[in-house]
Amino acid sequence: MSLTGYEEDVMCKGEEETSDHILLRHTKVVKVVDRTAIVTANAETVVVKPPGLQEAINAEIAKYPQGRSFVRPSGTEDIIRVYAEASTQDAADSLGNSVARLVDKFLGFSSSS
């Protein structure tokens, strides 16, 4: 699997930072064969293509309290960025890793073999 660890706290548009607010974490970058194989909608928070990926992401999200995750393709490189948040940092990291594995399964180099 071609995963690159990358962590960055990001605020989503319209969010305010509070002491009890969990920041959305940019947790992983997945190298893929072709970044254009993923199509998103709803401000890049919902995967439309490939079929089944969003449903798999939703199933992972459901395992985490206050879980949220989305993926988006890079505009210039064959990579997919994974963002995740959950009730704890460890849970957010675990969710991000799970979603990154799903992206690799659907779009990564291992899927092209």
PDB file of N, CA and C in Angstrom:
ATOM      1  N   MET A   1       0.860  -1.175   0.000  1.00  0.00           N
ATOM      2  CA  MET A   1       0.000   0.000   0.000  1.00  0.00           C
ATOM      3  C   MET A   1       0.900   1.229   0.000  1.00  0.00           C
ATOM      4  N   SER A   2       0.539   2.216  -0.780  1.00  0.00           N
ATOM      5  CA  SER A   2       1.344   3.422  -0.908  1.00  0.00           C
ATOM      6  C   SER A   2       0.738   4.553  -0.089  1.00  0.00           C
ATOM      7  N   LEU A   3       0.961   4.527   1.206  1.00  0.00           N
ATOM      8  CA  LEU A   3       0.430   5.574   2.082  1.00  0.00           C
ATOM      9  C   LEU A   3       1.566   6.442   2.579  1.00  0.00           C
ATOM     10  N   THR A   4       1.339   7.701   2.588  1.00  0.00           N
ATOM     11  CA  THR A   4       2.300   8.632   3.125  1.00  0.00           C
ATOM     12  C   THR A   4       1.657   9.291   4.334  1.00  0.00           C
ATOM     13  N   GLY A   5       2.292   9.204   5.481  1.00  0.00           N
ATOM     14  CA  GLY A   5       1.746   9.855   6.671  1.00  0.00           C
ATOM     15  C   GLY A   5       1.852  11.362   6.539  1.00  0.00           C
ATOM     16  N   TYR A   6       0.797  12.032   6.867  1.00  0.00           N
ATOM     17  CA  TYR A   6       0.783  13.479   6.788  1.00  0.00           C
ATOM     18  C   TYR A   6      -0.289  13.962   7.736  1.00  0.00           C
ATOM     19  N   GLU A   7       0.074  14.778   8.686  1.00  0.00           N
ATOM     20  CA  GLU A   7      -0.914  15.275   9.626  1.00  0.00           C
ATOM     21  C   GLU A   7      -0.938  16.790   9.596  1.00  0.00           C
ATOM     22  N   GLU A   8      -2.138  17.316   9.539  1.00  0.00           N
ATOM     23  CA  GLU A   8      -2.321  18.756   9.523  1.00  0.00           C
ATOM     24  C   GLU A   8      -3.714  19.042  10.063  1.00  0.00           C
ATOM     25  N   ASP A   9      -3.806  19.954  11.001  1.00  0.00           N
ATOM     26  CA  ASP A   9      -5.110  20.370  11.486  1.00  0.00           C
ATOM     27  C   ASP A   9      -5.646  21.418  10.521  1.00  0.00           C
ATOM     28  N   VAL A  10      -6.875  21.224  10.087  1.00  0.00           N
ATOM     29  CA  VAL A  10      -7.486  22.186   9.182  1.00  0.00           C
ATOM     30  C   VAL A  10      -8.870  22.537   9.678  1.00  0.00           C
ATOM     31  N   MET A  11      -9.254  23.752   9.470  1.00  0.00           N
ATOM     32  CA  MET A  11     -10.609  24.184   9.785  1.00  0.00           C
ATOM     33  C   MET A  11     -11.395  24.171   8.485  1.00  0.00           C
ATOM     34  N   CYS A  12     -12.570  23.599   8.519  1.00  0.00           N
ATOM     35  CA  CYS A  12     -13.424  23.620   7.337  1.00  0.00           C
ATOM     36  C   CYS A  12     -14.104  24.977   7.246  1.00  0.00           C
ATOM     37  N   LYS A  13     -14.452  25.362   6.057  1.00  0.00           N
ATOM     38  CA  LYS A  13     -15.094  26.639   5.814  1.00  0.00           C
ATOM     39  C   LYS A  13     -16.320  26.789   6.713  1.00  0.00           C
ATOM     40  N   GLY A  14     -16.389  27.879   7.429  1.00  0.00           N
ATOM     41  CA  GLY A  14     -17.530  28.158   8.284  1.00  0.00           C
ATOM     42  C   GLY A  14     -17.420  27.590   9.688  1.00  0.00           C
ATOM     43  N   GLU A  15     -16.361  26.838   9.980  1.00  0.00           N
ATOM     44  CA  GLU A  15     -16.208  26.291  11.320  1.00  0.00           C
ATOM     45  C   GLU A  15     -15.490  27.289  12.218  1.00  0.00           C
ATOM     46  N   GLU A  16     -15.846  27.264  13.467  1.00  0.00           N
ATOM     47  CA  GLU A  16     -15.167  28.097  14.451  1.00  0.00           C
ATOM     48  C   GLU A  16     -14.412  27.201  15.407  1.00  0.00           C
ATOM     49  N   GLU A  17     -13.238  27.639  15.828  1.00  0.00           N
ATOM     50  CA  GLU A  17     -12.458  26.860  16.770  1.00  0.00           C
ATOM     51  C   GLU A  17     -12.906  27.192  18.190  1.00  0.00           C
ATOM     52  N   THR A  18     -13.225  26.159  18.958  1.00  0.00           N
ATOM     53  CA  THR A  18     -13.559  26.320  20.368  1.00  0.00           C
ATOM     54  C   THR A  18     -12.738  25.328  21.160  1.00  0.00           C
ATOM     55  N   SER A  19     -12.721  25.486  22.463  1.00  0.00           N
ATOM     56  CA  SER A  19     -11.902  24.599  23.278  1.00  0.00           C
ATOM     57  C   SER A  19     -12.364  23.149  23.201  1.00  0.00           C
ATOM     58  N   ASP A  20     -13.638  22.908  22.939  1.00  0.00           N
ATOM     59  CA  ASP A  20     -14.126  21.541  22.854  1.00  0.00           C
ATOM     60  C   ASP A  20     -14.313  21.067  21.415  1.00  0.00           C
ATOM     61  N   HIS A  21     -13.881  21.870  20.463  1.00  0.00           N
ATOM     62  CA  HIS A  21     -14.027  21.532  19.056  1.00  0.00           C
ATOM     63  C   HIS A  21     -12.903  20.594  18.625  1.00  0.00           C
ATOM     64  N   ILE A  22     -13.246  19.546  17.925  1.00  0.00           N
ATOM     65  CA  ILE A  22     -12.253  18.629  17.390  1.00  0.00           C
ATOM     66  C   ILE A  22     -11.943  19.067  15.967  1.00  0.00           C
ATOM     67  N   LEU A  23     -10.692  19.369  15.714  1.00  0.00           N
ATOM     68  CA  LEU A  23     -10.302  19.796  14.380  1.00  0.00           C
ATOM     69  C   LEU A  23     -10.288  18.619  13.426  1.00  0.00           C
ATOM     70  N   LEU A  24     -10.677  18.879  12.214  1.00  0.00           N
ATOM     71  CA  LEU A  24     -10.596  17.894  11.163  1.00  0.00           C
ATOM     72  C   LEU A  24      -9.122  17.701  10.833  1.00  0.00           C
ATOM     73  N   ARG A  25      -8.674  16.452  10.812  1.00  0.00           N
ATOM     74  CA  ARG A  25      -7.267  16.173  10.568  1.00  0.00           C
ATOM     75  C   ARG A  25      -7.043  15.680   9.143  1.00  0.00           C
ATOM     76  N   HIS A  26      -6.088  16.295   8.479  1.00  0.00           N
ATOM     77  CA  HIS A  26      -5.627  15.785   7.188  1.00  0.00           C
ATOM     78  C   HIS A  26      -4.614  14.725   7.572  1.00  0.00           C
ATOM     79  N   THR A  27      -5.044  13.461   7.551  1.00  0.00           N
ATOM     80  CA  THR A  27      -4.238  12.419   8.157  1.00  0.00           C
ATOM     81  C   THR A  27      -3.368  11.624   7.201  1.00  0.00           C
ATOM     82  N   LYS A  28      -3.804  11.472   5.993  1.00  0.00           N
ATOM     83  CA  LYS A  28      -3.065  10.599   5.087  1.00  0.00           C
ATOM     84  C   LYS A  28      -3.109  11.115   3.662  1.00  0.00           C
ATOM     85  N   VAL A  29      -2.093  10.712   2.914  1.00  0.00           N
ATOM     86  CA  VAL A  29      -2.050  10.927   1.481  1.00  0.00           C
ATOM     87  C   VAL A  29      -1.856   9.554   0.861  1.00  0.00           C
ATOM     88  N   VAL A  30      -2.731   9.178  -0.051  1.00  0.00           N
ATOM     89  CA  VAL A  30      -2.649   7.884  -0.705  1.00  0.00           C
ATOM     90  C   VAL A  30      -2.222   8.098  -2.151  1.00  0.00           C
ATOM     91  N   LYS A  31      -1.125   7.475  -2.542  1.00  0.00           N
ATOM     92  CA  LYS A  31      -0.681   7.551  -3.932  1.00  0.00           C
ATOM     93  C   LYS A  31      -1.546   6.606  -4.747  1.00  0.00           C
ATOM     94  N   VAL A  32      -2.072   7.120  -5.861  1.00  0.00           N
ATOM     95  CA  VAL A  32      -2.964   6.338  -6.709  1.00  0.00           C
ATOM     96  C   VAL A  32      -2.460   6.335  -8.145  1.00  0.00           C
ATOM     97  N   VAL A  33      -2.991   5.428  -8.935  1.00  0.00           N
ATOM     98  CA  VAL A  33      -2.612   5.324 -10.338  1.00  0.00           C
ATOM     99  C   VAL A  33      -3.090   6.546 -11.110  1.00  0.00           C
ATOM    100  N   ASP A  34      -4.339   6.977 -10.856  1.00  0.00           N
ATOM    101  CA  ASP A  34      -4.928   8.093 -11.600  1.00  0.00           C
ATOM    102  C   ASP A  34      -5.893   8.852 -10.696  1.00  0.00           C
ATOM    103  N   ARG A  35      -5.536  10.054 -10.307  1.00  0.00           N
ATOM    104  CA  ARG A  35      -6.374  10.843  -9.392  1.00  0.00           C
ATOM    105  C   ARG A  35      -7.732  11.187  -9.993  1.00  0.00           C
ATOM    106  N   THR A  36      -7.837  11.191 -11.324  1.00  0.00           N
ATOM    107  CA  THR A  36      -9.116  11.533 -11.958  1.00  0.00           C
ATOM    108  C   THR A  36     -10.123  10.383 -11.882  1.00  0.00           C
ATOM    109  N   ALA A  37      -9.714   9.233 -11.356  1.00  0.00           N
ATOM    110  CA  ALA A  37     -10.630   8.108 -11.199  1.00  0.00           C
ATOM    111  C   ALA A  37     -11.609   8.352 -10.052  1.00  0.00           C
ATOM    112  N   ILE A  38     -11.324   9.348  -9.217  1.00  0.00           N
ATOM    113  CA  ILE A  38     -12.243   9.685  -8.130  1.00  0.00           C
ATOM    114  C   ILE A  38     -12.970  10.968  -8.496  1.00  0.00           C
ATOM    115  N   VAL A  39     -14.275  10.938  -8.329  1.00  0.00           N
ATOM    116  CA  VAL A  39     -15.119  12.106  -8.590  1.00  0.00           C
ATOM    117  C   VAL A  39     -15.884  12.381  -7.308  1.00  0.00           C
ATOM    118  N   THR A  40     -15.896  13.642  -6.888  1.00  0.00           N
ATOM    119  CA  THR A  40     -16.578  14.016  -5.652  1.00  0.00           C
ATOM    120  C   THR A  40     -17.665  15.042  -5.925  1.00  0.00           C
ATOM    121  N   ALA A  41     -18.529  15.221  -4.934  1.00  0.00           N
ATOM    122  CA  ALA A  41     -19.603  16.213  -5.003  1.00  0.00           C
ATOM    123  C   ALA A  41     -19.777  16.802  -3.609  1.00  0.00           C
ATOM    124  N   ASN A  42     -20.728  17.723  -3.480  1.00  0.00           N
ATOM    125  CA  ASN A  42     -21.043  18.331  -2.183  1.00  0.00           C
ATOM    126  C   ASN A  42     -19.796  18.929  -1.531  1.00  0.00           C
ATOM    127  N   ALA A  43     -19.174  19.857  -2.240  1.00  0.00           N
ATOM    128  CA  ALA A  43     -17.957  20.539  -1.762  1.00  0.00           C
ATOM    129  C   ALA A  43     -16.844  19.541  -1.474  1.00  0.00           C
ATOM    130  N   GLU A  44     -16.710  18.542  -2.324  1.00  0.00           N
ATOM    131  CA  GLU A  44     -15.676  17.506  -2.230  1.00  0.00           C
ATOM    132  C   GLU A  44     -15.770  16.671  -0.957  1.00  0.00           C
ATOM    133  N   THR A  45     -16.971  16.502  -0.406  1.00  0.00           N
ATOM    134  CA  THR A  45     -17.107  15.693   0.807  1.00  0.00           C
ATOM    135  C   THR A  45     -17.819  14.365   0.563  1.00  0.00           C
ATOM    136  N   VAL A  46     -18.282  14.123  -0.660  1.00  0.00           N
ATOM    137  CA  VAL A  46     -18.973  12.880  -0.985  1.00  0.00           C
ATOM    138  C   VAL A  46     -18.361  12.309  -2.267  1.00  0.00           C
ATOM    139  N   VAL A  47     -17.980  11.029  -2.205  1.00  0.00           N
ATOM    140  CA  VAL A  47     -17.429  10.361  -3.385  1.00  0.00           C
ATOM    141  C   VAL A  47     -18.583   9.853  -4.247  1.00  0.00           C
ATOM    142  N   VAL A  48     -18.582  10.262  -5.516  1.00  0.00           N
ATOM    143  CA  VAL A  48     -19.584   9.825  -6.482  1.00  0.00           C
ATOM    144  C   VAL A  48     -19.048   8.641  -7.296  1.00  0.00           C
ATOM    145  N   LYS A  49     -17.771   8.669  -7.569  1.00  0.00           N
ATOM    146  CA  LYS A  49     -17.119   7.646  -8.364  1.00  0.00           C
ATOM    147  C   LYS A  49     -15.745   7.392  -7.782  1.00  0.00           C
ATOM    148  N   PRO A  50     -15.304   6.166  -7.612  1.00  0.00           N
ATOM    149  CA  PRO A  50     -15.859   4.916  -8.081  1.00  0.00           C
ATOM    150  C   PRO A  50     -17.021   4.429  -7.226  1.00  0.00           C
ATOM    151  N   PRO A  51     -17.921   3.669  -7.833  1.00  0.00           N
ATOM    152  CA  PRO A  51     -19.064   3.133  -7.095  1.00  0.00           C
ATOM    153  C   PRO A  51     -18.593   2.280  -5.910  1.00  0.00           C
ATOM    154  N   GLY A  52     -19.284   2.442  -4.801  1.00  0.00           N
ATOM    155  CA  GLY A  52     -18.998   1.636  -3.621  1.00  0.00           C
ATOM    156  C   GLY A  52     -18.040   2.261  -2.626  1.00  0.00           C
ATOM    157  N   LEU A  53     -17.197   3.184  -3.069  1.00  0.00           N
ATOM    158  CA  LEU A  53     -16.222   3.770  -2.152  1.00  0.00           C
ATOM    159  C   LEU A  53     -16.895   4.585  -1.059  1.00  0.00           C
ATOM    160  N   GLN A  54     -17.855   5.441  -1.404  1.00  0.00           N
ATOM    161  CA  GLN A  54     -18.507   6.257  -0.378  1.00  0.00           C
ATOM    162  C   GLN A  54     -19.240   5.380   0.625  1.00  0.00           C
ATOM    163  N   GLU A  55     -19.883   4.330   0.147  1.00  0.00           N
ATOM    164  CA  GLU A  55     -20.589   3.420   1.058  1.00  0.00           C
ATOM    165  C   GLU A  55     -19.610   2.745   2.023  1.00  0.00           C
ATOM    166  N   ALA A  56     -18.446   2.372   1.524  1.00  0.00           N
ATOM    167  CA  ALA A  56     -17.419   1.768   2.379  1.00  0.00           C
ATOM    168  C   ALA A  56     -16.903   2.786   3.398  1.00  0.00           C
ATOM    169  N   ILE A  57     -16.709   4.027   2.979  1.00  0.00           N
ATOM    170  CA  ILE A  57     -16.281   5.089   3.899  1.00  0.00           C
ATOM    171  C   ILE A  57     -17.350   5.309   4.963  1.00  0.00           C
ATOM    172  N   ASN A  58     -18.611   5.357   4.552  1.00  0.00           N
ATOM    173  CA  ASN A  58     -19.710   5.544   5.514  1.00  0.00           C
ATOM    174  C   ASN A  58     -19.745   4.430   6.554  1.00  0.00           C
ATOM    175  N   ALA A  59     -19.487   3.199   6.129  1.00  0.00           N
ATOM    176  CA  ALA A  59     -19.470   2.069   7.063  1.00  0.00           C
ATOM    177  C   ALA A  59     -18.351   2.230   8.090  1.00  0.00           C
ATOM    178  N   GLU A  60     -17.203   2.737   7.671  1.00  0.00           N
ATOM    179  CA  GLU A  60     -16.099   2.984   8.607  1.00  0.00           C
ATOM    180  C   GLU A  60     -16.446   4.121   9.563  1.00  0.00           C
ATOM    181  N   ILE A  61     -17.004   5.199   9.033  1.00  0.00           N
ATOM    182  CA  ILE A  61     -17.378   6.355   9.863  1.00  0.00           C
ATOM    183  C   ILE A  61     -18.324   5.932  10.978  1.00  0.00           C
ATOM    184  N   ALA A  62     -19.250   5.042  10.671  1.00  0.00           N
ATOM    185  CA  ALA A  62     -20.266   4.611  11.644  1.00  0.00           C
ATOM    186  C   ALA A  62     -19.650   3.925  12.862  1.00  0.00           C
ATOM    187  N   LYS A  63     -18.431   3.471  12.760  1.00  0.00           N
ATOM    188  CA  LYS A  63     -17.751   2.777  13.867  1.00  0.00           C
ATOM    189  C   LYS A  63     -17.163   3.733  14.900  1.00  0.00           C
ATOM    190  N   TYR A  64     -17.162   5.039  14.607  1.00  0.00           N
ATOM    191  CA  TYR A  64     -16.476   6.014  15.456  1.00  0.00           C
ATOM    192  C   TYR A  64     -17.430   7.076  15.983  1.00  0.00           C
ATOM    193  N   PRO A  65     -17.456   7.284  17.307  1.00  0.00           N
ATOM    194  CA  PRO A  65     -18.268   8.378  17.865  1.00  0.00           C
ATOM    195  C   PRO A  65     -17.811   9.716  17.277  1.00  0.00           C
ATOM    196  N   GLN A  66     -18.755  10.508  16.876  1.00  0.00           N
ATOM    197  CA  GLN A  66     -18.502  11.818  16.266  1.00  0.00           C
ATOM    198  C   GLN A  66     -17.583  11.708  15.054  1.00  0.00           C
ATOM    199  N   GLY A  67     -17.649  10.563  14.372  1.00  0.00           N
ATOM    200  CA  GLY A  67     -16.777  10.332  13.226  1.00  0.00           C
ATOM    201  C   GLY A  67     -17.223  11.082  11.989  1.00  0.00           C
ATOM    202  N   ARG A  68     -16.251  11.525  11.255  1.00  0.00           N
ATOM    203  CA  ARG A  68     -16.485  12.174   9.966  1.00  0.00           C
ATOM    204  C   ARG A  68     -15.215  12.003   9.154  1.00  0.00           C
ATOM    205  N   SER A  69     -15.364  11.698   7.895  1.00  0.00           N
ATOM    206  CA  SER A  69     -14.194  11.542   7.036  1.00  0.00           C
ATOM    207  C   SER A  69     -14.608  11.810   5.595  1.00  0.00           C
ATOM    208  N   PHE A  70     -13.695  12.364   4.851  1.00  0.00           N
ATOM    209  CA  PHE A  70     -13.909  12.521   3.417  1.00  0.00           C
ATOM    210  C   PHE A  70     -12.563  12.486   2.727  1.00  0.00           C
ATOM    211  N   VAL A  71     -12.605  12.270   1.433  1.00  0.00           N
ATOM    212  CA  VAL A  71     -11.389  12.200   0.626  1.00  0.00           C
ATOM    213  C   VAL A  71     -11.527  13.156  -0.544  1.00  0.00           C
ATOM    214  N   ARG A  72     -10.397  13.633  -1.010  1.00  0.00           N
ATOM    215  CA  ARG A  72     -10.429  14.506  -2.190  1.00  0.00           C
ATOM    216  C   ARG A  72      -9.143  14.312  -2.986  1.00  0.00           C
ATOM    217  N   PRO A  73      -9.273  14.336  -4.303  1.00  0.00           N
ATOM    218  CA  PRO A  73      -8.079  14.181  -5.138  1.00  0.00           C
ATOM    219  C   PRO A  73      -7.267  15.467  -5.178  1.00  0.00           C
ATOM    220  N   SER A  74      -5.967  15.306  -5.324  1.00  0.00           N
ATOM    221  CA  SER A  74      -5.099  16.455  -5.540  1.00  0.00           C
ATOM    222  C   SER A  74      -5.402  17.034  -6.908  1.00  0.00           C
ATOM    223  N   GLY A  75      -5.193  18.315  -7.044  1.00  0.00           N
ATOM    224  CA  GLY A  75      -5.382  18.947  -8.350  1.00  0.00           C
ATOM    225  C   GLY A  75      -4.190  18.798  -9.265  1.00  0.00           C
ATOM    226  N   THR A  76      -3.045  18.352  -8.724  1.00  0.00           N
ATOM    227  CA  THR A  76      -1.830  18.316  -9.531  1.00  0.00           C
ATOM    228  C   THR A  76      -1.059  17.003  -9.489  1.00  0.00           C
ATOM    229  N   GLU A  77      -1.310  16.170  -8.469  1.00  0.00           N
ATOM    230  CA  GLU A  77      -0.547  14.928  -8.317  1.00  0.00           C
ATOM    231  C   GLU A  77      -1.504  13.743  -8.257  1.00  0.00           C
ATOM    232  N   ASP A  78      -1.005  12.567  -8.551  1.00  0.00           N
ATOM    233  CA  ASP A  78      -1.817  11.360  -8.439  1.00  0.00           C
ATOM    234  C   ASP A  78      -1.826  10.884  -6.983  1.00  0.00           C
ATOM    235  N   ILE A  79      -2.481  11.684  -6.159  1.00  0.00           N
ATOM    236  CA  ILE A  79      -2.663  11.363  -4.745  1.00  0.00           C
ATOM    237  C   ILE A  79      -4.091  11.730  -4.340  1.00  0.00           C
ATOM    238  N   ILE A  80      -4.566  11.040  -3.313  1.00  0.00           N
ATOM    239  CA  ILE A  80      -5.854  11.338  -2.713  1.00  0.00           C
ATOM    240  C   ILE A  80      -5.594  11.711  -1.264  1.00  0.00           C
ATOM    241  N   ARG A  81      -6.117  12.840  -0.835  1.00  0.00           N
ATOM    242  CA  ARG A  81      -5.962  13.289   0.548  1.00  0.00           C
ATOM    243  C   ARG A  81      -7.123  12.753   1.380  1.00  0.00           C
ATOM    244  N   VAL A  82      -6.797  12.288   2.575  1.00  0.00           N
ATOM    245  CA  VAL A  82      -7.803  11.723   3.479  1.00  0.00           C
ATOM    246  C   VAL A  82      -7.919  12.645   4.687  1.00  0.00           C
ATOM    247  N   TYR A  83      -9.137  13.036   5.007  1.00  0.00           N
ATOM    248  CA  TYR A  83      -9.419  13.881   6.165  1.00  0.00           C
ATOM    249  C   TYR A  83     -10.310  13.093   7.116  1.00  0.00           C
ATOM    250  N   ALA A  84     -10.058  13.221   8.424  1.00  0.00           N
ATOM    251  CA  ALA A  84     -10.870  12.475   9.387  1.00  0.00           C
ATOM    252  C   ALA A  84     -10.943  13.224  10.708  1.00  0.00           C
ATOM    253  N   GLU A  85     -12.060  13.024  11.414  1.00  0.00           N
ATOM    254  CA  GLU A  85     -12.201  13.509  12.771  1.00  0.00           C
ATOM    255  C   GLU A  85     -13.067  12.520  13.534  1.00  0.00           C
ATOM    256  N   ALA A  86     -12.902  12.501  14.849  1.00  0.00           N
ATOM    257  CA  ALA A  86     -13.683  11.625  15.714  1.00  0.00           C
ATOM    258  C   ALA A  86     -13.617  12.186  17.127  1.00  0.00           C
ATOM    259  N   SER A  87     -14.170  11.456  18.082  1.00  0.00           N
ATOM    260  CA  SER A  87     -14.274  11.960  19.452  1.00  0.00           C
ATOM    261  C   SER A  87     -12.924  12.094  20.145  1.00  0.00           C
ATOM    262  N   THR A  88     -11.920  11.344  19.701  1.00  0.00           N
ATOM    263  CA  THR A  88     -10.563  11.465  20.248  1.00  0.00           C
ATOM    264  C   THR A  88      -9.571  11.515  19.102  1.00  0.00           C
ATOM    265  N   GLN A  89      -8.375  11.974  19.378  1.00  0.00           N
ATOM    266  CA  GLN A  89      -7.346  12.022  18.351  1.00  0.00           C
ATOM    267  C   GLN A  89      -6.979  10.615  17.884  1.00  0.00           C
ATOM    268  N   ASP A  90      -6.879   9.668  18.823  1.00  0.00           N
ATOM    269  CA  ASP A  90      -6.557   8.290  18.433  1.00  0.00           C
ATOM    270  C   ASP A  90      -7.630   7.717  17.512  1.00  0.00           C
ATOM    271  N   ALA A  91      -8.895   7.987  17.829  1.00  0.00           N
ATOM    272  CA  ALA A  91      -9.987   7.503  16.988  1.00  0.00           C
ATOM    273  C   ALA A  91      -9.935   8.159  15.613  1.00  0.00           C
ATOM    274  N   ALA A  92      -9.638   9.448  15.559  1.00  0.00           N
ATOM    275  CA  ALA A  92      -9.532  10.146  14.276  1.00  0.00           C
ATOM    276  C   ALA A  92      -8.389   9.568  13.442  1.00  0.00           C
ATOM    277  N   ASP A  93      -7.271   9.288  14.080  1.00  0.00           N
ATOM    278  CA  ASP A  93      -6.144   8.692  13.360  1.00  0.00           C
ATOM    279  C   ASP A  93      -6.504   7.302  12.843  1.00  0.00           C
ATOM    280  N   SER A  94      -7.195   6.514  13.669  1.00  0.00           N
ATOM    281  CA  SER A  94      -7.608   5.174  13.272  1.00  0.00           C
ATOM    282  C   SER A  94      -8.590   5.234  12.102  1.00  0.00           C
ATOM    283  N   LEU A  95      -9.553   6.147  12.184  1.00  0.00           N
ATOM    284  CA  LEU A  95     -10.512   6.328  11.095  1.00  0.00           C
ATOM    285  C   LEU A  95      -9.795   6.737   9.816  1.00  0.00           C
ATOM    286  N   GLY A  96      -8.883   7.687   9.924  1.00  0.00           N
ATOM    287  CA  GLY A  96      -8.120   8.123   8.753  1.00  0.00           C
ATOM    288  C   GLY A  96      -7.340   6.985   8.120  1.00  0.00           C
ATOM    289  N   ASN A  97      -6.735   6.142   8.946  1.00  0.00           N
ATOM    290  CA  ASN A  97      -5.986   4.990   8.429  1.00  0.00           C
ATOM    291  C   ASN A  97      -6.919   4.010   7.730  1.00  0.00           C
ATOM    292  N   SER A  98      -8.090   3.776   8.319  1.00  0.00           N
ATOM    293  CA  SER A  98      -9.066   2.854   7.716  1.00  0.00           C
ATOM    294  C   SER A  98      -9.540   3.365   6.363  1.00  0.00           C
ATOM    295  N   VAL A  99      -9.848   4.647   6.299  1.00  0.00           N
ATOM    296  CA  VAL A  99     -10.316   5.234   5.042  1.00  0.00           C
ATOM    297  C   VAL A  99      -9.190   5.231   4.005  1.00  0.00           C
ATOM    298  N   ALA A 100      -7.968   5.488   4.429  1.00  0.00           N
ATOM    299  CA  ALA A 100      -6.831   5.442   3.501  1.00  0.00           C
ATOM    300  C   ALA A 100      -6.675   4.048   2.911  1.00  0.00           C
ATOM    301  N   ARG A 101      -6.866   3.013   3.727  1.00  0.00           N
ATOM    302  CA  ARG A 101      -6.794   1.646   3.211  1.00  0.00           C
ATOM    303  C   ARG A 101      -7.905   1.388   2.183  1.00  0.00           C
ATOM    304  N   LEU A 102      -9.085   1.938   2.437  1.00  0.00           N
ATOM    305  CA  LEU A 102     -10.182   1.791   1.474  1.00  0.00           C
ATOM    306  C   LEU A 102      -9.848   2.469   0.147  1.00  0.00           C
ATOM    307  N   VAL A 103      -9.303   3.684   0.220  1.00  0.00           N
ATOM    308  CA  VAL A 103      -8.925   4.396  -1.003  1.00  0.00           C
ATOM    309  C   VAL A 103      -7.887   3.582  -1.767  1.00  0.00           C
ATOM    310  N   ASP A 104      -6.920   3.032  -1.045  1.00  0.00           N
ATOM    311  CA  ASP A 104      -5.895   2.217  -1.699  1.00  0.00           C
ATOM    312  C   ASP A 104      -6.527   0.979  -2.343  1.00  0.00           C
ATOM    313  N   LYS A 105      -7.468   0.371  -1.656  1.00  0.00           N
ATOM    314  CA  LYS A 105      -8.149  -0.821  -2.192  1.00  0.00           C
ATOM    315  C   LYS A 105      -8.890  -0.493  -3.487  1.00  0.00           C
ATOM    316  N   PHE A 106      -9.576   0.646  -3.509  1.00  0.00           N
ATOM    317  CA  PHE A 106     -10.367   1.021  -4.677  1.00  0.00           C
ATOM    318  C   PHE A 106      -9.529   1.653  -5.790  1.00  0.00           C
ATOM    319  N   LEU A 107      -8.505   2.437  -5.431  1.00  0.00           N
ATOM    320  CA  LEU A 107      -7.810   3.266  -6.426  1.00  0.00           C
ATOM    321  C   LEU A 107      -6.295   3.162  -6.424  1.00  0.00           C
ATOM    322  N   GLY A 108      -5.725   2.535  -5.417  1.00  0.00           N
ATOM    323  CA  GLY A 108      -4.273   2.528  -5.271  1.00  0.00           C
ATOM    324  C   GLY A 108      -3.571   1.605  -6.247  1.00  0.00           C
ATOM    325  N   PHE A 109      -2.275   1.557  -6.103  1.00  0.00           N
ATOM    326  CA  PHE A 109      -1.475   0.724  -6.977  1.00  0.00           C
ATOM    327  C   PHE A 109      -1.840  -0.747  -6.831  1.00  0.00           C
ATOM    328  N   SER A 110      -2.261  -1.157  -5.624  1.00  0.00           N
ATOM    329  CA  SER A 110      -2.622  -2.563  -5.424  1.00  0.00           C
ATOM    330  C   SER A 110      -3.881  -2.925  -6.222  1.00  0.00           C
ATOM    331  N   SER A 111      -4.718  -1.956  -6.547  1.00  0.00           N
ATOM    332  CA  SER A 111      -5.942  -2.230  -7.309  1.00  0.00           C
ATOM    333  C   SER A 111      -5.679  -2.367  -8.796  1.00  0.00           C
ATOM    334  N   SER A 112      -4.498  -1.950  -9.243  1.00  0.00           N
ATOM    335  CA  SER A 112      -4.185  -2.011 -10.675  1.00  0.00           C
ATOM    336  C   SER A 112      -3.471  -3.287 -11.053  1.00  0.00           C
ATOM    337  N   SER A 113      -3.187  -4.137 -10.074  1.00  0.00           N
ATOM    338  CA  SER A 113      -2.444  -5.380 -10.351  1.00  0.00           C
ATOM    339  C   SER A 113      -3.366  -6.451 -10.881  1.00  0.00           C
TER     340      SER A 113
END
